[in-house]
Amino acid sequence: MPWHLYLMAFLYGFAGVMHLIKPKVFMRVMPCYLPAHKTLVLWSGVAEIAVAVGLCFPSTKDWAIYALILMLILFFSIHFYMLSSEKAAAGIPKWILLLRIPLQFVLIYWAYSYL
C-alpha cells in the first residue's frame, strides 16, 4: 500500500483523537439543528479513528474509504454552517472557510482514488 495512504490514515486518526481530547472546539462548529453536540463530536472522533485504522489494512481499506467518503459528505453541513454563523466561524477568515468547500471535494477524490 502506498505511503500516502498511511499519511491519510494518520491525518484522520489525528483528527479523531483531537475530537476526543478537545471536544469543545468541535462542538462550537456543530450546526444548531443537530442534537447532542458532544455525543456527535465524540462519535465522529471514534469514526475517524476507526477509518484511520481501517485504511491501514488491505482487507478493510475499501470499507474505510467508503466510510470516509460518507463522513466527508456529511461534514459539508458543518462547513456551510461555519460560513453562515460568525460564532461557528470562530474567527476564521471567510476566505479560508470558502476554500474548505472545494478542499472537501479534493479530499473525497483523494479517498476515492484508492478504490
PDB file of N, CA and C in Angstrom:
ATOM      1  N   MET A   1       0.855  -1.181   0.000  1.00  0.00           N
ATOM      2  CA  MET A   1       0.000   0.000   0.000  1.00  0.00           C
ATOM      3  C   MET A   1       0.897   1.240   0.000  1.00  0.00           C
ATOM      4  N   PRO A   2       0.483   2.262  -0.738  1.00  0.00           N
ATOM      5  CA  PRO A   2       1.333   3.452  -0.866  1.00  0.00           C
ATOM      6  C   PRO A   2       1.449   4.245   0.439  1.00  0.00           C
ATOM      7  N   TRP A   3       2.578   4.919   0.585  1.00  0.00           N
ATOM      8  CA  TRP A   3       2.844   5.686   1.809  1.00  0.00           C
ATOM      9  C   TRP A   3       1.802   6.770   2.024  1.00  0.00           C
ATOM     10  N   HIS A   4       1.266   7.339   0.942  1.00  0.00           N
ATOM     11  CA  HIS A   4       0.316   8.444   1.107  1.00  0.00           C
ATOM     12  C   HIS A   4      -1.028   7.964   1.646  1.00  0.00           C
ATOM     13  N   LEU A   5      -1.302   6.676   1.510  1.00  0.00           N
ATOM     14  CA  LEU A   5      -2.497   6.137   2.156  1.00  0.00           C
ATOM     15  C   LEU A   5      -2.300   6.128   3.677  1.00  0.00           C
ATOM     16  N   TYR A   6      -1.086   5.821   4.107  1.00  0.00           N
ATOM     17  CA  TYR A   6      -0.774   5.881   5.537  1.00  0.00           C
ATOM     18  C   TYR A   6      -0.782   7.320   6.048  1.00  0.00           C
ATOM     19  N   LEU A   7      -0.372   8.252   5.194  1.00  0.00           N
ATOM     20  CA  LEU A   7      -0.465   9.672   5.554  1.00  0.00           C
ATOM     21  C   LEU A   7      -1.926  10.053   5.777  1.00  0.00           C
ATOM     22  N   MET A   8      -2.788   9.624   4.867  1.00  0.00           N
ATOM     23  CA  MET A   8      -4.220   9.886   5.025  1.00  0.00           C
ATOM     24  C   MET A   8      -4.720   9.286   6.343  1.00  0.00           C
ATOM     25  N   ALA A   9      -4.329   8.060   6.616  1.00  0.00           N
ATOM     26  CA  ALA A   9      -4.744   7.402   7.859  1.00  0.00           C
ATOM     27  C   ALA A   9      -4.277   8.201   9.073  1.00  0.00           C
ATOM     28  N   PHE A  10      -3.029   8.651   9.038  1.00  0.00           N
ATOM     29  CA  PHE A  10      -2.512   9.442  10.150  1.00  0.00           C
ATOM     30  C   PHE A  10      -3.320  10.715  10.347  1.00  0.00           C
ATOM     31  N   LEU A  11      -3.610  11.439   9.258  1.00  0.00           N
ATOM     32  CA  LEU A  11      -4.338  12.703   9.355  1.00  0.00           C
ATOM     33  C   LEU A  11      -5.729  12.514   9.958  1.00  0.00           C
ATOM     34  N   TYR A  12      -6.450  11.501   9.498  1.00  0.00           N
ATOM     35  CA  TYR A  12      -7.789  11.261  10.052  1.00  0.00           C
ATOM     36  C   TYR A  12      -7.723  10.695  11.468  1.00  0.00           C
ATOM     37  N   GLY A  13      -6.712   9.895  11.747  1.00  0.00           N
ATOM     38  CA  GLY A  13      -6.534   9.403  13.112  1.00  0.00           C
ATOM     39  C   GLY A  13      -6.242  10.543  14.078  1.00  0.00           C
ATOM     40  N   PHE A  14      -5.381  11.452  13.655  1.00  0.00           N
ATOM     41  CA  PHE A  14      -5.062  12.622  14.480  1.00  0.00           C
ATOM     42  C   PHE A  14      -6.315  13.465  14.707  1.00  0.00           C
ATOM     43  N   ALA A  15      -7.066  13.712  13.648  1.00  0.00           N
ATOM     44  CA  ALA A  15      -8.306  14.493  13.776  1.00  0.00           C
ATOM     45  C   ALA A  15      -9.270  13.804  14.732  1.00  0.00           C
ATOM     46  N   GLY A  16      -9.385  12.493  14.626  1.00  0.00           N
ATOM     47  CA  GLY A  16     -10.273  11.754  15.517  1.00  0.00           C
ATOM     48  C   GLY A  16      -9.859  11.858  16.973  1.00  0.00           C
ATOM     49  N   VAL A  17      -8.575  11.742  17.230  1.00  0.00           N
ATOM     50  CA  VAL A  17      -8.067  11.872  18.601  1.00  0.00           C
ATOM     51  C   VAL A  17      -8.349  13.278  19.129  1.00  0.00           C
ATOM     52  N   MET A  18      -8.174  14.278  18.283  1.00  0.00           N
ATOM     53  CA  MET A  18      -8.446  15.657  18.714  1.00  0.00           C
ATOM     54  C   MET A  18      -9.927  15.853  19.065  1.00  0.00           C
ATOM     55  N   HIS A  19     -10.823  15.155  18.362  1.00  0.00           N
ATOM     56  CA  HIS A  19     -12.245  15.211  18.719  1.00  0.00           C
ATOM     57  C   HIS A  19     -12.463  14.717  20.154  1.00  0.00           C
ATOM     58  N   LEU A  20     -11.693  13.721  20.549  1.00  0.00           N
ATOM     59  CA  LEU A  20     -11.846  13.147  21.890  1.00  0.00           C
ATOM     60  C   LEU A  20     -11.153  13.991  22.953  1.00  0.00           C
ATOM     61  N   ILE A  21     -10.029  14.592  22.610  1.00  0.00           N
ATOM     62  CA  ILE A  21      -9.258  15.385  23.569  1.00  0.00           C
ATOM     63  C   ILE A  21      -9.839  16.783  23.755  1.00  0.00           C
ATOM     64  N   LYS A  22     -10.259  17.412  22.673  1.00  0.00           N
ATOM     65  CA  LYS A  22     -10.754  18.805  22.692  1.00  0.00           C
ATOM     66  C   LYS A  22     -12.157  18.892  22.080  1.00  0.00           C
ATOM     67  N   PRO A  23     -13.139  18.212  22.643  1.00  0.00           N
ATOM     68  CA  PRO A  23     -14.474  18.207  22.013  1.00  0.00           C
ATOM     69  C   PRO A  23     -15.123  19.585  21.937  1.00  0.00           C
ATOM     70  N   LYS A  24     -14.805  20.483  22.872  1.00  0.00           N
ATOM     71  CA  LYS A  24     -15.432  21.816  22.847  1.00  0.00           C
ATOM     72  C   LYS A  24     -15.102  22.587  21.581  1.00  0.00           C
ATOM     73  N   VAL A  25     -13.902  22.403  21.069  1.00  0.00           N
ATOM     74  CA  VAL A  25     -13.504  23.080  19.833  1.00  0.00           C
ATOM     75  C   VAL A  25     -14.436  22.672  18.694  1.00  0.00           C
ATOM     76  N   PHE A  26     -14.750  21.395  18.635  1.00  0.00           N
ATOM     77  CA  PHE A  26     -15.588  20.876  17.557  1.00  0.00           C
ATOM     78  C   PHE A  26     -17.071  21.122  17.820  1.00  0.00           C
ATOM     79  N   MET A  27     -17.459  21.175  19.078  1.00  0.00           N
ATOM     80  CA  MET A  27     -18.868  21.435  19.412  1.00  0.00           C
ATOM     81  C   MET A  27     -19.278  22.835  18.966  1.00  0.00           C
ATOM     82  N   ARG A  28     -18.351  23.763  18.986  1.00  0.00           N
ATOM     83  CA  ARG A  28     -18.644  25.142  18.609  1.00  0.00           C
ATOM     84  C   ARG A  28     -19.074  25.255  17.149  1.00  0.00           C
ATOM     85  N   VAL A  29     -18.611  24.346  16.303  1.00  0.00           N
ATOM     86  CA  VAL A  29     -18.926  24.428  14.879  1.00  0.00           C
ATOM     87  C   VAL A  29     -20.088  23.526  14.469  1.00  0.00           C
ATOM     88  N   MET A  30     -20.704  22.880  15.438  1.00  0.00           N
ATOM     89  CA  MET A  30     -21.838  21.996  15.135  1.00  0.00           C
ATOM     90  C   MET A  30     -23.075  22.821  14.804  1.00  0.00           C
ATOM     91  N   PRO A  31     -23.751  22.499  13.709  1.00  0.00           N
ATOM     92  CA  PRO A  31     -24.996  23.203  13.382  1.00  0.00           C
ATOM     93  C   PRO A  31     -26.013  23.063  14.512  1.00  0.00           C
ATOM     94  N   CYS A  32     -26.720  24.151  14.795  1.00  0.00           N
ATOM     95  CA  CYS A  32     -27.652  24.159  15.924  1.00  0.00           C
ATOM     96  C   CYS A  32     -28.818  23.192  15.733  1.00  0.00           C
ATOM     97  N   TYR A  33     -29.115  22.796  14.512  1.00  0.00           N
ATOM     98  CA  TYR A  33     -30.233  21.884  14.271  1.00  0.00           C
ATOM     99  C   TYR A  33     -29.889  20.422  14.570  1.00  0.00           C
ATOM    100  N   LEU A  34     -28.609  20.144  14.846  1.00  0.00           N
ATOM    101  CA  LEU A  34     -28.227  18.779  15.210  1.00  0.00           C
ATOM    102  C   LEU A  34     -28.317  18.605  16.721  1.00  0.00           C
ATOM    103  N   PRO A  35     -28.815  17.471  17.177  1.00  0.00           N
ATOM    104  CA  PRO A  35     -28.932  17.237  18.620  1.00  0.00           C
ATOM    105  C   PRO A  35     -27.621  16.715  19.220  1.00  0.00           C
ATOM    106  N   ALA A  36     -27.543  16.746  20.520  1.00  0.00           N
ATOM    107  CA  ALA A  36     -26.472  16.086  21.283  1.00  0.00           C
ATOM    108  C   ALA A  36     -25.083  16.359  20.704  1.00  0.00           C
ATOM    109  N   HIS A  37     -24.708  17.613  20.709  1.00  0.00           N
ATOM    110  CA  HIS A  37     -23.443  18.008  20.082  1.00  0.00           C
ATOM    111  C   HIS A  37     -22.245  17.232  20.601  1.00  0.00           C
ATOM    112  N   LYS A  38     -22.115  17.129  21.907  1.00  0.00           N
ATOM    113  CA  LYS A  38     -20.932  16.446  22.450  1.00  0.00           C
ATOM    114  C   LYS A  38     -20.910  14.977  22.037  1.00  0.00           C
ATOM    115  N   THR A  39     -22.057  14.343  22.079  1.00  0.00           N
ATOM    116  CA  THR A  39     -22.134  12.935  21.672  1.00  0.00           C
ATOM    117  C   THR A  39     -21.746  12.779  20.205  1.00  0.00           C
ATOM    118  N   LEU A  40     -22.256  13.655  19.351  1.00  0.00           N
ATOM    119  CA  LEU A  40     -21.920  13.575  17.928  1.00  0.00           C
ATOM    120  C   LEU A  40     -20.440  13.842  17.686  1.00  0.00           C
ATOM    121  N   VAL A  41     -19.876  14.778  18.402  1.00  0.00           N
ATOM    122  CA  VAL A  41     -18.447  15.074  18.246  1.00  0.00           C
ATOM    123  C   VAL A  41     -17.614  13.873  18.674  1.00  0.00           C
ATOM    124  N   LEU A  42     -17.947  13.280  19.807  1.00  0.00           N
ATOM    125  CA  LEU A  42     -17.187  12.126  20.289  1.00  0.00           C
ATOM    126  C   LEU A  42     -17.316  10.938  19.337  1.00  0.00           C
ATOM    127  N   TRP A  43     -18.532  10.664  18.861  1.00  0.00           N
ATOM    128  CA  TRP A  43     -18.733   9.542  17.937  1.00  0.00           C
ATOM    129  C   TRP A  43     -18.054   9.802  16.592  1.00  0.00           C
ATOM    130  N   SER A  44     -18.050  11.056  16.140  1.00  0.00           N
ATOM    131  CA  SER A  44     -17.361  11.344  14.877  1.00  0.00           C
ATOM    132  C   SER A  44     -15.853  11.146  15.055  1.00  0.00           C
ATOM    133  N   GLY A  45     -15.336  11.463  16.234  1.00  0.00           N
ATOM    134  CA  GLY A  45     -13.929  11.193  16.520  1.00  0.00           C
ATOM    135  C   GLY A  45     -13.625   9.706  16.496  1.00  0.00           C
ATOM    136  N   VAL A  46     -14.480   8.925  17.118  1.00  0.00           N
ATOM    137  CA  VAL A  46     -14.312   7.464  17.109  1.00  0.00           C
ATOM    138  C   VAL A  46     -14.377   6.947  15.672  1.00  0.00           C
ATOM    139  N   ALA A  47     -15.322   7.479  14.884  1.00  0.00           N
ATOM    140  CA  ALA A  47     -15.454   7.050  13.487  1.00  0.00           C
ATOM    141  C   ALA A  47     -14.202   7.397  12.686  1.00  0.00           C
ATOM    142  N   GLU A  48     -13.648   8.580  12.913  1.00  0.00           N
ATOM    143  CA  GLU A  48     -12.426   8.952  12.194  1.00  0.00           C
ATOM    144  C   GLU A  48     -11.259   8.045  12.578  1.00  0.00           C
ATOM    145  N   ILE A  49     -11.168   7.695  13.843  1.00  0.00           N
ATOM    146  CA  ILE A  49     -10.112   6.776  14.279  1.00  0.00           C
ATOM    147  C   ILE A  49     -10.322   5.394  13.657  1.00  0.00           C
ATOM    148  N   ALA A  50     -11.562   4.931  13.620  1.00  0.00           N
ATOM    149  CA  ALA A  50     -11.859   3.625  13.012  1.00  0.00           C
ATOM    150  C   ALA A  50     -11.506   3.626  11.528  1.00  0.00           C
ATOM    151  N   VAL A  51     -11.832   4.708  10.843  1.00  0.00           N
ATOM    152  CA  VAL A  51     -11.477   4.831   9.423  1.00  0.00           C
ATOM    153  C   VAL A  51      -9.963   4.812   9.267  1.00  0.00           C
ATOM    154  N   ALA A  52      -9.265   5.547  10.112  1.00  0.00           N
ATOM    155  CA  ALA A  52      -7.805   5.604  10.032  1.00  0.00           C
ATOM    156  C   ALA A  52      -7.191   4.217  10.184  1.00  0.00           C
ATOM    157  N   VAL A  53      -7.676   3.472  11.155  1.00  0.00           N
ATOM    158  CA  VAL A  53      -7.171   2.110  11.357  1.00  0.00           C
ATOM    159  C   VAL A  53      -7.540   1.241  10.155  1.00  0.00           C
ATOM    160  N   GLY A  54      -8.778   1.373   9.687  1.00  0.00           N
ATOM    161  CA  GLY A  54      -9.231   0.581   8.545  1.00  0.00           C
ATOM    162  C   GLY A  54      -8.433   0.831   7.279  1.00  0.00           C
ATOM    163  N   LEU A  55      -7.948   2.040   7.096  1.00  0.00           N
ATOM    164  CA  LEU A  55      -7.153   2.368   5.913  1.00  0.00           C
ATOM    165  C   LEU A  55      -5.814   1.636   5.884  1.00  0.00           C
ATOM    166  N   CYS A  56      -5.357   1.185   7.026  1.00  0.00           N
ATOM    167  CA  CYS A  56      -4.023   0.584   7.140  1.00  0.00           C
ATOM    168  C   CYS A  56      -3.970  -0.900   6.789  1.00  0.00           C
ATOM    169  N   PHE A  57      -5.105  -1.519   6.547  1.00  0.00           N
ATOM    170  CA  PHE A  57      -5.136  -2.951   6.278  1.00  0.00           C
ATOM    171  C   PHE A  57      -5.851  -3.223   4.952  1.00  0.00           C
ATOM    172  N   PRO A  58      -5.234  -4.007   4.082  1.00  0.00           N
ATOM    173  CA  PRO A  58      -5.854  -4.270   2.776  1.00  0.00           C
ATOM    174  C   PRO A  58      -7.276  -4.844   2.872  1.00  0.00           C
ATOM    175  N   SER A  59      -7.532  -5.659   3.875  1.00  0.00           N
ATOM    176  CA  SER A  59      -8.848  -6.289   3.986  1.00  0.00           C
ATOM    177  C   SER A  59      -9.954  -5.317   4.392  1.00  0.00           C
ATOM    178  N   THR A  60      -9.601  -4.169   4.980  1.00  0.00           N
ATOM    179  CA  THR A  60     -10.611  -3.194   5.420  1.00  0.00           C
ATOM    180  C   THR A  60     -10.495  -1.852   4.708  1.00  0.00           C
ATOM    181  N   LYS A  61      -9.514  -1.732   3.819  1.00  0.00           N
ATOM    182  CA  LYS A  61      -9.246  -0.452   3.151  1.00  0.00           C
ATOM    183  C   LYS A  61     -10.464   0.072   2.402  1.00  0.00           C
ATOM    184  N   ASP A  62     -11.103  -0.749   1.579  1.00  0.00           N
ATOM    185  CA  ASP A  62     -12.247  -0.274   0.794  1.00  0.00           C
ATOM    186  C   ASP A  62     -13.407   0.152   1.695  1.00  0.00           C
ATOM    187  N   TRP A  63     -13.674  -0.631   2.708  1.00  0.00           N
ATOM    188  CA  TRP A  63     -14.723  -0.291   3.686  1.00  0.00           C
ATOM    189  C   TRP A  63     -14.445   1.068   4.294  1.00  0.00           C
ATOM    190  N   ALA A  64     -13.191   1.253   4.698  1.00  0.00           N
ATOM    191  CA  ALA A  64     -12.796   2.516   5.339  1.00  0.00           C
ATOM    192  C   ALA A  64     -12.926   3.687   4.368  1.00  0.00           C
ATOM    193  N   ILE A  65     -12.596   3.469   3.111  1.00  0.00           N
ATOM    194  CA  ILE A  65     -12.694   4.545   2.124  1.00  0.00           C
ATOM    195  C   ILE A  65     -14.148   4.944   1.919  1.00  0.00           C
ATOM    196  N   TYR A  66     -15.036   3.974   1.794  1.00  0.00           N
ATOM    197  CA  TYR A  66     -16.459   4.308   1.639  1.00  0.00           C
ATOM    198  C   TYR A  66     -16.986   5.047   2.870  1.00  0.00           C
ATOM    199  N   ALA A  67     -16.581   4.615   4.049  1.00  0.00           N
ATOM    200  CA  ALA A  67     -16.993   5.302   5.279  1.00  0.00           C
ATOM    201  C   ALA A  67     -16.439   6.725   5.311  1.00  0.00           C
ATOM    202  N   LEU A  68     -15.203   6.885   4.900  1.00  0.00           N
ATOM    203  CA  LEU A  68     -14.571   8.201   4.880  1.00  0.00           C
ATOM    204  C   LEU A  68     -15.285   9.136   3.902  1.00  0.00           C
ATOM    205  N   ILE A  69     -15.592   8.645   2.720  1.00  0.00           N
ATOM    206  CA  ILE A  69     -16.305   9.468   1.739  1.00  0.00           C
ATOM    207  C   ILE A  69     -17.661   9.888   2.292  1.00  0.00           C
ATOM    208  N   LEU A  70     -18.363   8.985   2.935  1.00  0.00           N
ATOM    209  CA  LEU A  70     -19.655   9.323   3.548  1.00  0.00           C
ATOM    210  C   LEU A  70     -19.476  10.399   4.624  1.00  0.00           C
ATOM    211  N   MET A  71     -18.464  10.243   5.462  1.00  0.00           N
ATOM    212  CA  MET A  71     -18.211  11.252   6.500  1.00  0.00           C
ATOM    213  C   MET A  71     -17.896  12.610   5.884  1.00  0.00           C
ATOM    214  N   LEU A  72     -17.063  12.621   4.857  1.00  0.00           N
ATOM    215  CA  LEU A  72     -16.703  13.881   4.224  1.00  0.00           C
ATOM    216  C   LEU A  72     -17.921  14.563   3.599  1.00  0.00           C
ATOM    217  N   ILE A  73     -18.830  13.783   3.053  1.00  0.00           N
ATOM    218  CA  ILE A  73     -20.070  14.353   2.506  1.00  0.00           C
ATOM    219  C   ILE A  73     -20.917  14.927   3.636  1.00  0.00           C
ATOM    220  N   LEU A  74     -21.031  14.198   4.732  1.00  0.00           N
ATOM    221  CA  LEU A  74     -21.810  14.691   5.872  1.00  0.00           C
ATOM    222  C   LEU A  74     -21.201  15.959   6.475  1.00  0.00           C
ATOM    223  N   PHE A  75     -19.889  16.069   6.431  1.00  0.00           N
ATOM    224  CA  PHE A  75     -19.211  17.229   7.018  1.00  0.00           C
ATOM    225  C   PHE A  75     -19.420  18.508   6.222  1.00  0.00           C
ATOM    226  N   PHE A  76     -19.948  18.396   4.993  1.00  0.00           N
ATOM    227  CA  PHE A  76     -20.281  19.606   4.238  1.00  0.00           C
ATOM    228  C   PHE A  76     -21.225  20.494   5.036  1.00  0.00           C
ATOM    229  N   SER A  77     -22.158  19.885   5.762  1.00  0.00           N
ATOM    230  CA  SER A  77     -23.124  20.689   6.531  1.00  0.00           C
ATOM    231  C   SER A  77     -22.413  21.563   7.564  1.00  0.00           C
ATOM    232  N   ILE A  78     -21.355  21.059   8.143  1.00  0.00           N
ATOM    233  CA  ILE A  78     -20.600  21.832   9.127  1.00  0.00           C
ATOM    234  C   ILE A  78     -19.868  22.987   8.442  1.00  0.00           C
ATOM    235  N   HIS A  79     -19.291  22.722   7.286  1.00  0.00           N
ATOM    236  CA  HIS A  79     -18.578  23.786   6.575  1.00  0.00           C
ATOM    237  C   HIS A  79     -19.530  24.905   6.159  1.00  0.00           C
ATOM    238  N   PHE A  80     -20.700  24.542   5.678  1.00  0.00           N
ATOM    239  CA  PHE A  80     -21.672  25.568   5.289  1.00  0.00           C
ATOM    240  C   PHE A  80     -22.210  26.309   6.514  1.00  0.00           C
ATOM    241  N   TYR A  81     -22.381  25.582   7.607  1.00  0.00           N
ATOM    242  CA  TYR A  81     -22.833  26.237   8.845  1.00  0.00           C
ATOM    243  C   TYR A  81     -21.794  27.253   9.313  1.00  0.00           C
ATOM    244  N   MET A  82     -20.533  26.908   9.226  1.00  0.00           N
ATOM    245  CA  MET A  82     -19.484  27.835   9.646  1.00  0.00           C
ATOM    246  C   MET A  82     -19.485  29.090   8.777  1.00  0.00           C
ATOM    247  N   LEU A  83     -19.853  28.943   7.514  1.00  0.00           N
ATOM    248  CA  LEU A  83     -19.946  30.105   6.628  1.00  0.00           C
ATOM    249  C   LEU A  83     -21.120  31.009   6.997  1.00  0.00           C
ATOM    250  N   SER A  84     -22.163  30.423   7.557  1.00  0.00           N
ATOM    251  CA  SER A  84     -23.386  31.184   7.824  1.00  0.00           C
ATOM    252  C   SER A  84     -23.465  31.747   9.238  1.00  0.00           C
ATOM    253  N   SER A  85     -22.540  31.372  10.103  1.00  0.00           N
ATOM    254  CA  SER A  85     -22.610  31.786  11.501  1.00  0.00           C
ATOM    255  C   SER A  85     -21.260  32.338  11.958  1.00  0.00           C
ATOM    256  N   GLU A  86     -21.246  33.583  12.400  1.00  0.00           N
ATOM    257  CA  GLU A  86     -19.990  34.167  12.891  1.00  0.00           C
ATOM    258  C   GLU A  86     -19.471  33.426  14.111  1.00  0.00           C
ATOM    259  N   LYS A  87     -20.382  33.002  14.978  1.00  0.00           N
ATOM    260  CA  LYS A  87     -19.975  32.262  16.177  1.00  0.00           C
ATOM    261  C   LYS A  87     -19.295  30.943  15.781  1.00  0.00           C
ATOM    262  N   ALA A  88     -19.913  30.227  14.853  1.00  0.00           N
ATOM    263  CA  ALA A  88     -19.350  28.948  14.415  1.00  0.00           C
ATOM    264  C   ALA A  88     -18.056  29.141  13.634  1.00  0.00           C
ATOM    265  N   ALA A  89     -17.922  30.284  12.959  1.00  0.00           N
ATOM    266  CA  ALA A  89     -16.702  30.548  12.191  1.00  0.00           C
ATOM    267  C   ALA A  89     -15.491  30.678  13.099  1.00  0.00           C
ATOM    268  N   ALA A  90     -15.733  31.014  14.357  1.00  0.00           N
ATOM    269  CA  ALA A  90     -14.675  31.056  15.374  1.00  0.00           C
ATOM    270  C   ALA A  90     -13.500  31.949  14.971  1.00  0.00           C
ATOM    271  N   GLY A  91     -13.793  33.039  14.278  1.00  0.00           N
ATOM    272  CA  GLY A  91     -12.739  33.970  13.910  1.00  0.00           C
ATOM    273  C   GLY A  91     -11.918  33.564  12.693  1.00  0.00           C
ATOM    274  N   ILE A  92     -12.257  32.446  12.079  1.00  0.00           N
ATOM    275  CA  ILE A  92     -11.543  32.008  10.883  1.00  0.00           C
ATOM    276  C   ILE A  92     -11.976  32.909   9.724  1.00  0.00           C
ATOM    277  N   PRO A  93     -11.040  33.455   8.974  1.00  0.00           N
ATOM    278  CA  PRO A  93     -11.416  34.336   7.863  1.00  0.00           C
ATOM    279  C   PRO A  93     -12.336  33.632   6.861  1.00  0.00           C
ATOM    280  N   LYS A  94     -13.256  34.391   6.319  1.00  0.00           N
ATOM    281  CA  LYS A  94     -14.252  33.840   5.397  1.00  0.00           C
ATOM    282  C   LYS A  94     -13.593  33.178   4.179  1.00  0.00           C
ATOM    283  N   TRP A  95     -12.479  33.728   3.696  1.00  0.00           N
ATOM    284  CA  TRP A  95     -11.846  33.147   2.518  1.00  0.00           C
ATOM    285  C   TRP A  95     -11.329  31.734   2.803  1.00  0.00           C
ATOM    286  N   ILE A  96     -10.892  31.488   4.033  1.00  0.00           N
ATOM    287  CA  ILE A  96     -10.444  30.140   4.396  1.00  0.00           C
ATOM    288  C   ILE A  96     -11.644  29.206   4.468  1.00  0.00           C
ATOM    289  N   LEU A  97     -12.744  29.694   5.051  1.00  0.00           N
ATOM    290  CA  LEU A  97     -13.955  28.883   5.120  1.00  0.00           C
ATOM    291  C   LEU A  97     -14.462  28.541   3.727  1.00  0.00           C
ATOM    292  N   LEU A  98     -14.376  29.496   2.811  1.00  0.00           N
ATOM    293  CA  LEU A  98     -14.793  29.243   1.426  1.00  0.00           C
ATOM    294  C   LEU A  98     -13.856  28.240   0.743  1.00  0.00           C
ATOM    295  N   LEU A  99     -12.584  28.333   1.043  1.00  0.00           N
ATOM    296  CA  LEU A  99     -11.604  27.422   0.455  1.00  0.00           C
ATOM    297  C   LEU A  99     -11.834  25.982   0.903  1.00  0.00           C
ATOM    298  N   ARG A 100     -12.409  25.814   2.073  1.00  0.00           N
ATOM    299  CA  ARG A 100     -12.648  24.464   2.591  1.00  0.00           C
ATOM    300  C   ARG A 100     -13.675  23.694   1.760  1.00  0.00           C
ATOM    301  N   ILE A 101     -14.570  24.408   1.075  1.00  0.00           N
ATOM    302  CA  ILE A 101     -15.588  23.708   0.282  1.00  0.00           C
ATOM    303  C   ILE A 101     -14.937  22.939  -0.873  1.00  0.00           C
ATOM    304  N   PRO A 102     -14.153  23.593  -1.750  1.00  0.00           N
ATOM    305  CA  PRO A 102     -13.502  22.793  -2.803  1.00  0.00           C
ATOM    306  C   PRO A 102     -12.476  21.806  -2.240  1.00  0.00           C
ATOM    307  N   LEU A 103     -11.845  22.160  -1.115  1.00  0.00           N
ATOM    308  CA  LEU A 103     -10.903  21.234  -0.493  1.00  0.00           C
ATOM    309  C   LEU A 103     -11.610  19.932  -0.103  1.00  0.00           C
ATOM    310  N   GLN A 104     -12.851  20.034   0.325  1.00  0.00           N
ATOM    311  CA  GLN A 104     -13.622  18.845   0.699  1.00  0.00           C
ATOM    312  C   GLN A 104     -13.770  17.910  -0.510  1.00  0.00           C
ATOM    313  N   PHE A 105     -13.997  18.490  -1.694  1.00  0.00           N
ATOM    314  CA  PHE A 105     -14.080  17.667  -2.905  1.00  0.00           C
ATOM    315  C   PHE A 105     -12.733  17.014  -3.216  1.00  0.00           C
ATOM    316  N   VAL A 106     -11.641  17.731  -2.976  1.00  0.00           N
ATOM    317  CA  VAL A 106     -10.307  17.165  -3.187  1.00  0.00           C
ATOM    318  C   VAL A 106     -10.082  15.994  -2.239  1.00  0.00           C
ATOM    319  N   LEU A 107     -10.492  16.143  -0.978  1.00  0.00           N
ATOM    320  CA  LEU A 107     -10.337  15.055  -0.005  1.00  0.00           C
ATOM    321  C   LEU A 107     -11.169  13.840  -0.396  1.00  0.00           C
ATOM    322  N   ILE A 108     -12.376  14.085  -0.902  1.00  0.00           N
ATOM    323  CA  ILE A 108     -13.217  12.965  -1.359  1.00  0.00           C
ATOM    324  C   ILE A 108     -12.550  12.257  -2.528  1.00  0.00           C
ATOM    325  N   TYR A 109     -12.042  13.043  -3.485  1.00  0.00           N
ATOM    326  CA  TYR A 109     -11.364  12.446  -4.634  1.00  0.00           C
ATOM    327  C   TYR A 109     -10.116  11.667  -4.188  1.00  0.00           C
ATOM    328  N   TRP A 110      -9.356  12.245  -3.247  1.00  0.00           N
ATOM    329  CA  TRP A 110      -8.159  11.561  -2.744  1.00  0.00           C
ATOM    330  C   TRP A 110      -8.531  10.200  -2.173  1.00  0.00           C
ATOM    331  N   ALA A 111      -9.567  10.147  -1.373  1.00  0.00           N
ATOM    332  CA  ALA A 111     -10.011   8.872  -0.808  1.00  0.00           C
ATOM    333  C   ALA A 111     -10.484   7.922  -1.914  1.00  0.00           C
ATOM    334  N   TYR A 112     -11.294   8.452  -2.821  1.00  0.00           N
ATOM    335  CA  TYR A 112     -11.853   7.623  -3.903  1.00  0.00           C
ATOM    336  C   TYR A 112     -10.760   7.032  -4.783  1.00  0.00           C
ATOM    337  N   SER A 113      -9.661   7.743  -4.935  1.00  0.00           N
ATOM    338  CA  SER A 113      -8.589   7.280  -5.819  1.00  0.00           C
ATOM    339  C   SER A 113      -7.927   5.978  -5.343  1.00  0.00           C
ATOM    340  N   TYR A 114      -8.182   5.568  -4.114  1.00  0.00           N
ATOM    341  CA  TYR A 114      -7.602   4.320  -3.594  1.00  0.00           C
ATOM    342  C   TYR A 114      -8.504   3.126  -3.780  1.00  0.00           C
ATOM    343  N   LEU A 115      -9.686   3.319  -4.341  1.00  0.00           N
ATOM    344  CA  LEU A 115     -10.591   2.175  -4.574  1.00  0.00           C
ATOM    345  C   LEU A 115     -10.161   1.380  -5.793  1.00  0.00           C
TER     346      LEU A 115
END
